[in-house]
Amino acid sequence: MSEIKIPKKLIEVALPLDDINAAAAREKSIRHGHPSTLHLWWARRPLAAARAVIFAQMVNDPSETVSGDKRLRETKLKIQSEREKLFDIIRDLVKWENTNNEIVLNRARAAIKESWRFTCELNRSVPEASELFDPEKLPAFHDPFAGGGAIPLEAQRLGLQSFASDLNPVAVMINKAMIEIPPKFAGNKAIGPLIDSDNQSDLIDSWSGVKGLAEDVKRYGHVMREEAYKRIGYLYPKIEVTETMAASRADLKHLIGDKLTVIAWLWARTIPSPSPIYSHVNVPLASSFVISNKKGKEAYVEPVITGDSYEFVVKTGIPPTESKSGTKVGRGGILNVCYPRLQFLSN
C-alpha cells in the first residue's frame, strides 16, 4: 500500500506573528458586525487569528513546492520570496476591514486550492486517491468543540465546508446562527413586511450573500418591537421635561415641554423594610445608585425621603460616597444601614 505523503505546511515553518497579534488586539475594541455581539462567549478566539491559522494550516510551505537544489542560494531566495507572498496574503487577511473583502479572500482561497491540488498530485498513486484526494473538492473542516464558533466560521469564509458542534447547547445555537443557517438562505431576497419608516430597503438592488436574511431579521425585529410596545409600552412612558427638572439641569432648559424617550430603566427588587415601624414600606435592593462613572458624564440617582415614602431624582456630577454603596451588600440582598438617606428603612 502506498504511503500517504503530507507536505510540510506554512504553519510548521513561520508566520507573520506581529501582524496577526496586532490585528487580534485591535479586534477586541470592535463591536459592530462582530460575532461577539450575537452572544458573549468565554475564551472566544479572535477572528483574525483563526483566519490566519487555518490558512497557514492549509497552504504548503514553499520549501515543499519550489523545485531546485535546496542547498543553492538561488533556490533559497526563491523559497523565501514565495513564502513572503503567502505572508502578504495573511497580512491582508487579518485586517478587520478585509473580513468580507472578496478580492482578498479569493486570493487566499486560490492559494489553498493550489496547495490542495499539489497534495493530490503527490498522492495520486494511493489506492483511495479518488475518494481522499479529489483535486476539485477541498477537505471538510470539523470542530467538535467549536465554542463561540470563530474557527469554523473562518474556515467557512476561506472556502471549506464547516461542521461544528459542542457539548454546550448555547454554543450549538451560536454556531447554528453563524454557520449553518446563513448559507441556506444565501442569495435569497427578503420576504418580510416592509418597515414604513425605513427608506434604506428601497436602495437594495442586489440580494447577494445573506443580505436578504439580515433584512428579514431586521423586519421581524421591528414586528416584535411593535407588538411588545402594544402590550407593555404603557409601562415605559415618555418623560416630559418640566421647569422644575431643568432648574438644576442646564442641559435640559432648551427641552422644557418636550417629551423624551427614556433610553434606560434601572430595575431593582424590593422587599418589606426589616424595621417594624416601616414594615409597610418596600425597600429597593440596589448595590449602587451610580448611573455613570465616565469622566465628564458622571450621573447618579439620589433617594429623596419624605416621611415614610421616597422618590428618586437623577443628578449629574461626581456621585457622593453613599451613592456608591446602595442599599445592599453581596448577592444575598442584605440591607446596608450605612446609607444615611435610607437609614429609616432599617432603624
Foldseek 3Di string as FASTA:
>chain_A
DDDQDDAAFQVVPDAPVVLLVVLQVVCVPDDVPDLCVVDNFPPDGRLLVLLLVVLRVQAHQLVRVQDDDCVDPVSVVVSVVVSVVSNVLSSQCSHPVCVPVVVSLVVSLVRSLVRLLVSLVVCVVPPCSVPPRDSVADEAAEEAACTQPSNQLSCVSSPHHYDYHHPDVVSRVNCCVRHVPQVVCAQPAADADDDPVDPVVVVDPGRGRRNRVVVNVVRVVVVVVVVVCVVCVVVQFWDAADPVLCVQPVVCPVRHGPTHGDPDDDDFDWAQQPDPVRSVDTHTQDQAQWDDPPPPFTKGWDWDDDPSDIDIDIDGDDDDPLRNRGQADDPVSHGDCPNVRCVVSHD
